[in-house]
C-alpha atoms as a PDB file:
ATOM      1  CA  MET A   1     -29.265  26.907  15.595  1.00  0.00           C
ATOM      2  CA  ALA A   2     -28.115  23.923  13.643  1.00  0.00           C
ATOM      3  CA  ALA A   3     -25.792  21.564  15.444  1.00  0.00           C
ATOM      4  CA  LYS A   4     -22.303  21.431  14.031  1.00  0.00           C
ATOM      5  CA  ALA A   5     -21.634  18.012  12.497  1.00  0.00           C
ATOM      6  CA  ARG A   6     -18.525  16.249  13.747  1.00  0.00           C
ATOM      7  CA  GLU A   7     -16.159  14.833  11.206  1.00  0.00           C
ATOM      8  CA  ARG A   8     -15.724  11.103  11.552  1.00  0.00           C
ATOM      9  CA  LYS A   9     -12.446   9.379  10.892  1.00  0.00           C
ATOM     10  CA  PRO A  10     -12.377   5.847   9.543  1.00  0.00           C
ATOM     11  CA  ALA A  11     -11.761   3.138  12.108  1.00  0.00           C
ATOM     12  CA  GLY A  12      -8.081   2.480  12.603  1.00  0.00           C
ATOM     13  CA  SER A  13      -7.006   5.813  11.154  1.00  0.00           C
ATOM     14  CA  ARG A  14      -4.002   7.546  12.589  1.00  0.00           C
ATOM     15  CA  GLY A  15      -4.409  10.804  14.486  1.00  0.00           C
ATOM     16  CA  THR A  16      -3.949  14.172  12.839  1.00  0.00           C
ATOM     17  CA  SER A  17      -0.730  15.071  14.663  1.00  0.00           C
ATOM     18  CA  LYS A  18       2.268  15.516  12.391  1.00  0.00           C
ATOM     19  CA  VAL A  19       4.614  16.220  15.292  1.00  0.00           C
ATOM     20  CA  VAL A  20       7.287  13.634  16.012  1.00  0.00           C
ATOM     21  CA  PRO A  21       6.933  12.313  19.581  1.00  0.00           C
ATOM     22  CA  GLY A  22       9.847  12.996  21.904  1.00  0.00           C
ATOM     23  CA  TRP A  23      10.389   9.305  22.637  1.00  0.00           C
ATOM     24  CA  VAL A  24      11.474   8.457  19.061  1.00  0.00           C
ATOM     25  CA  GLU A  25      15.154   7.452  19.272  1.00  0.00           C
ATOM     26  CA  TYR A  26      16.062   7.723  15.569  1.00  0.00           C
ATOM     27  CA  SER A  27      16.948  10.708  13.442  1.00  0.00           C
ATOM     28  CA  ALA A  28      15.471  11.338  10.013  1.00  0.00           C
ATOM     29  CA  GLN A  29      18.721  10.261   8.337  1.00  0.00           C
ATOM     30  CA  GLU A  30      18.816   6.963  10.256  1.00  0.00           C
ATOM     31  CA  VAL A  31      15.203   6.194   9.370  1.00  0.00           C
ATOM     32  CA  GLU A  32      15.868   6.902   5.673  1.00  0.00           C
ATOM     33  CA  GLU A  33      18.827   4.492   5.762  1.00  0.00           C
ATOM     34  CA  LEU A  34      16.639   1.828   7.403  1.00  0.00           C
ATOM     35  CA  VAL A  35      13.893   2.315   4.800  1.00  0.00           C
ATOM     36  CA  VAL A  36      16.326   2.018   1.890  1.00  0.00           C
ATOM     37  CA  GLY A  37      17.949  -1.043   3.477  1.00  0.00           C
ATOM     38  CA  PHE A  38      14.589  -2.765   3.905  1.00  0.00           C
ATOM     39  CA  GLY A  39      13.630  -1.841   0.340  1.00  0.00           C
ATOM     40  CA  LYS A  40      16.805  -3.383  -1.033  1.00  0.00           C
ATOM     41  CA  LYS A  41      15.970  -6.574   0.875  1.00  0.00           C
ATOM     42  CA  GLY A  42      12.722  -6.782  -1.112  1.00  0.00           C
ATOM     43  CA  MET A  43      10.186  -5.497   1.405  1.00  0.00           C
ATOM     44  CA  ASN A  44       7.224  -3.511   0.119  1.00  0.00           C
ATOM     45  CA  PRO A  45       6.419  -0.066   1.597  1.00  0.00           C
ATOM     46  CA  MET A  46       3.621  -1.392   3.818  1.00  0.00           C
ATOM     47  CA  GLN A  47       5.906  -4.003   5.355  1.00  0.00           C
ATOM     48  CA  VAL A  48       8.601  -1.373   5.922  1.00  0.00           C
ATOM     49  CA  GLY A  49       6.146   0.861   7.774  1.00  0.00           C
ATOM     50  CA  GLN A  50       4.983  -2.015   9.973  1.00  0.00           C
ATOM     51  CA  VAL A  51       8.528  -3.109  10.854  1.00  0.00           C
ATOM     52  CA  LEU A  52       9.546   0.450  11.689  1.00  0.00           C
ATOM     53  CA  ARG A  53       6.467   0.875  13.856  1.00  0.00           C
ATOM     54  CA  ASP A  54       6.636  -2.464  15.662  1.00  0.00           C
ATOM     55  CA  GLN A  55      10.376  -3.083  16.024  1.00  0.00           C
ATOM     56  CA  TYR A  56      11.973   0.366  15.897  1.00  0.00           C
ATOM     57  CA  GLY A  57       9.297   2.541  17.540  1.00  0.00           C
ATOM     58  CA  VAL A  58       8.888   4.920  14.601  1.00  0.00           C
ATOM     59  CA  PRO A  59       5.186   5.841  14.433  1.00  0.00           C
ATOM     60  CA  SER A  60       5.330   7.655  11.091  1.00  0.00           C
ATOM     61  CA  VAL A  61       8.093   7.855   8.513  1.00  0.00           C
ATOM     62  CA  LYS A  62       6.452  10.886   6.891  1.00  0.00           C
ATOM     63  CA  ALA A  63       6.209  12.831  10.153  1.00  0.00           C
ATOM     64  CA  LEU A  64       9.868  12.147  10.919  1.00  0.00           C
ATOM     65  CA  THR A  65      11.465  12.608   7.494  1.00  0.00           C
ATOM     66  CA  GLY A  66       8.927  14.774   5.676  1.00  0.00           C
ATOM     67  CA  LYS A  67       8.775  12.136   2.918  1.00  0.00           C
ATOM     68  CA  GLY A  68       6.757   8.986   2.435  1.00  0.00           C
ATOM     69  CA  VAL A  69       8.295   5.519   2.191  1.00  0.00           C
ATOM     70  CA  ILE A  70       7.852   5.370  -1.601  1.00  0.00           C
ATOM     71  CA  GLN A  71       9.601   8.728  -2.023  1.00  0.00           C
ATOM     72  CA  VAL A  72      12.474   7.552   0.206  1.00  0.00           C
ATOM     73  CA  PHE A  73      12.677   4.397  -1.933  1.00  0.00           C
ATOM     74  CA  ALA A  74      12.955   6.493  -5.095  1.00  0.00           C
ATOM     75  CA  GLU A  75      15.674   8.730  -3.635  1.00  0.00           C
ATOM     76  CA  GLY A  76      17.584   5.708  -2.327  1.00  0.00           C
ATOM     77  CA  GLY A  77      17.584   3.936  -5.678  1.00  0.00           C
ATOM     78  CA  VAL A  78      15.070   1.223  -4.788  1.00  0.00           C
ATOM     79  CA  LYS A  79      12.974   0.442  -7.867  1.00  0.00           C
ATOM     80  CA  LEU A  80       9.416  -0.815  -7.416  1.00  0.00           C
ATOM     81  CA  ASP A  81       8.235  -2.999 -10.293  1.00  0.00           C
ATOM     82  CA  TYR A  82       4.565  -2.295  -9.659  1.00  0.00           C
ATOM     83  CA  PRO A  83       2.767   0.219  -7.458  1.00  0.00           C
ATOM     84  CA  PRO A  84       2.115  -1.268  -3.999  1.00  0.00           C
ATOM     85  CA  ASP A  85      -1.573  -0.300  -3.922  1.00  0.00           C
ATOM     86  CA  LEU A  86      -2.135  -2.149  -7.183  1.00  0.00           C
ATOM     87  CA  LEU A  87      -0.254  -5.233  -5.971  1.00  0.00           C
ATOM     88  CA  ALA A  88      -2.323  -5.341  -2.771  1.00  0.00           C
ATOM     89  CA  LEU A  89      -5.556  -5.329  -4.791  1.00  0.00           C
ATOM     90  CA  ILE A  90      -4.245  -7.997  -7.160  1.00  0.00           C
ATOM     91  CA  GLU A  91      -3.346 -10.193  -4.163  1.00  0.00           C
ATOM     92  CA  ARG A  92      -6.890  -9.795  -2.839  1.00  0.00           C
ATOM     93  CA  ALA A  93      -8.356 -10.716  -6.221  1.00  0.00           C
ATOM     94  CA  VAL A  94      -6.163 -13.827  -6.425  1.00  0.00           C
ATOM     95  CA  ARG A  95      -7.244 -14.927  -2.916  1.00  0.00           C
ATOM     96  CA  VAL A  96     -10.932 -14.413  -3.742  1.00  0.00           C
ATOM     97  CA  ARG A  97     -10.559 -16.343  -7.030  1.00  0.00           C
ATOM     98  CA  ARG A  98      -8.926 -19.231  -5.157  1.00  0.00           C
ATOM     99  CA  HIS A  99     -11.812 -19.181  -2.661  1.00  0.00           C
ATOM    100  CA  LEU A 100     -14.401 -19.154  -5.455  1.00  0.00           C
ATOM    101  CA  LYS A 101     -12.838 -22.231  -7.068  1.00  0.00           C
ATOM    102  CA  ALA A 102     -13.497 -24.164  -3.869  1.00  0.00           C
ATOM    103  CA  ASN A 103     -16.841 -22.471  -3.122  1.00  0.00           C
ATOM    104  CA  SER A 104     -18.533 -21.869  -6.451  1.00  0.00           C
ATOM    105  CA  SER A 105     -21.918 -20.952  -4.968  1.00  0.00           C
ATOM    106  CA  ASP A 106     -20.575 -18.062  -2.877  1.00  0.00           C
ATOM    107  CA  VAL A 107     -22.464 -15.234  -4.567  1.00  0.00           C
ATOM    108  CA  ARG A 108     -21.386 -12.521  -2.125  1.00  0.00           C
ATOM    109  CA  ASN A 109     -17.696 -13.070  -2.802  1.00  0.00           C
ATOM    110  CA  ARG A 110     -18.334 -13.259  -6.539  1.00  0.00           C
ATOM    111  CA  THR A 111     -19.761  -9.737  -6.257  1.00  0.00           C
ATOM    112  CA  GLN A 112     -16.776  -8.680  -4.159  1.00  0.00           C
ATOM    113  CA  LEU A 113     -14.436 -10.032  -6.833  1.00  0.00           C
ATOM    114  CA  ASN A 114     -16.194  -7.856  -9.413  1.00  0.00           C
ATOM    115  CA  ASN A 115     -15.732  -4.824  -7.141  1.00  0.00           C
ATOM    116  CA  ILE A 116     -12.053  -5.593  -6.542  1.00  0.00           C
ATOM    117  CA  GLU A 117     -11.372  -6.045 -10.255  1.00  0.00           C
ATOM    118  CA  SER A 118     -13.154  -2.765 -11.014  1.00  0.00           C
ATOM    119  CA  LYS A 119     -10.830  -1.026  -8.557  1.00  0.00           C
ATOM    120  CA  ILE A 120      -7.853  -2.711 -10.221  1.00  0.00           C
ATOM    121  CA  ARG A 121      -8.899  -1.484 -13.668  1.00  0.00           C
ATOM    122  CA  ARG A 122      -9.327   2.087 -12.375  1.00  0.00           C
ATOM    123  CA  LEU A 123      -5.924   1.981 -10.670  1.00  0.00           C
ATOM    124  CA  VAL A 124      -4.279   0.598 -13.820  1.00  0.00           C
ATOM    125  CA  LYS A 125      -5.716   3.491 -15.807  1.00  0.00           C
ATOM    126  CA  TYR A 126      -4.416   5.988 -13.220  1.00  0.00           C
ATOM    127  CA  HIS A 127      -0.926   4.468 -12.913  1.00  0.00           C
ATOM    128  CA  ALA A 128      -0.542   4.162 -16.690  1.00  0.00           C
ATOM    129  CA  ALA A 129      -1.392   7.861 -17.032  1.00  0.00           C
ATOM    130  CA  GLU A 130       1.112   8.734 -14.273  1.00  0.00           C
ATOM    131  CA  GLY A 131       3.825   6.659 -15.952  1.00  0.00           C
ATOM    132  CA  ASN A 132       4.130   4.063 -13.180  1.00  0.00           C
ATOM    133  CA  LEU A 133       3.001   1.298 -15.554  1.00  0.00           C
ATOM    134  CA  PRO A 134       3.623   0.796 -19.260  1.00  0.00           C
ATOM    135  CA  LYS A 135       0.877   2.327 -21.418  1.00  0.00           C
ATOM    136  CA  GLY A 136      -0.348  -0.990 -22.801  1.00  0.00           C
ATOM    137  CA  TRP A 137      -0.343  -2.897 -19.484  1.00  0.00           C
ATOM    138  CA  ARG A 138      -3.645  -4.661 -18.836  1.00  0.00           C
ATOM    139  CA  TYR A 139      -4.959  -6.655 -15.913  1.00  0.00           C
ATOM    140  CA  ASP A 140      -5.380 -10.346 -16.698  1.00  0.00           C
ATOM    141  CA  PRO A 141      -6.374 -12.692 -13.829  1.00  0.00           C
ATOM    142  CA  GLU A 142      -4.135 -15.560 -14.977  1.00  0.00           C
ATOM    143  CA  THR A 143      -1.000 -13.461 -15.311  1.00  0.00           C
ATOM    144  CA  ALA A 144      -1.903 -11.600 -12.124  1.00  0.00           C
ATOM    145  CA  ALA A 145      -1.742 -14.858 -10.181  1.00  0.00           C
ATOM    146  CA  LEU A 146       1.792 -15.390 -11.510  1.00  0.00           C
ATOM    147  CA  LEU A 147       2.708 -11.773 -10.706  1.00  0.00           C
ATOM    148  CA  VAL A 148       1.763 -12.123  -7.057  1.00  0.00           C
ATOM    149  CA  LYS A 149       3.549 -15.472  -6.502  1.00  0.00           C
END
């Protein structure tokens, strides 16, 4: 008999439980108000999730409210200029470009920059099709550096 292959989760991935632990002190309504408040202060969804986890003891906004942070932002009237996954990749590309200016012979990171920018172009195509970006929006490294600052 063939051995059954175990599924492997990526390192650092959260467990599969969607049940809210009993020790969480906040209701779904209170968490939504916190998320909207943090969004209006200018925090991105990743920062909101980290603050809720570290300071408020909320392990998962989605498990508690049934909605993700971005969906709670949209319902609360918080407008995101650019999708957070795209901004995170653009920040990485800007950091790698800054590194390559100081270390021009770093071939490995030059390859990594090509990979990061390929991911950015694919995400731009996806988000433009979904309507999250204007149709004619294009990634340009110089304007991207200004976008992130």
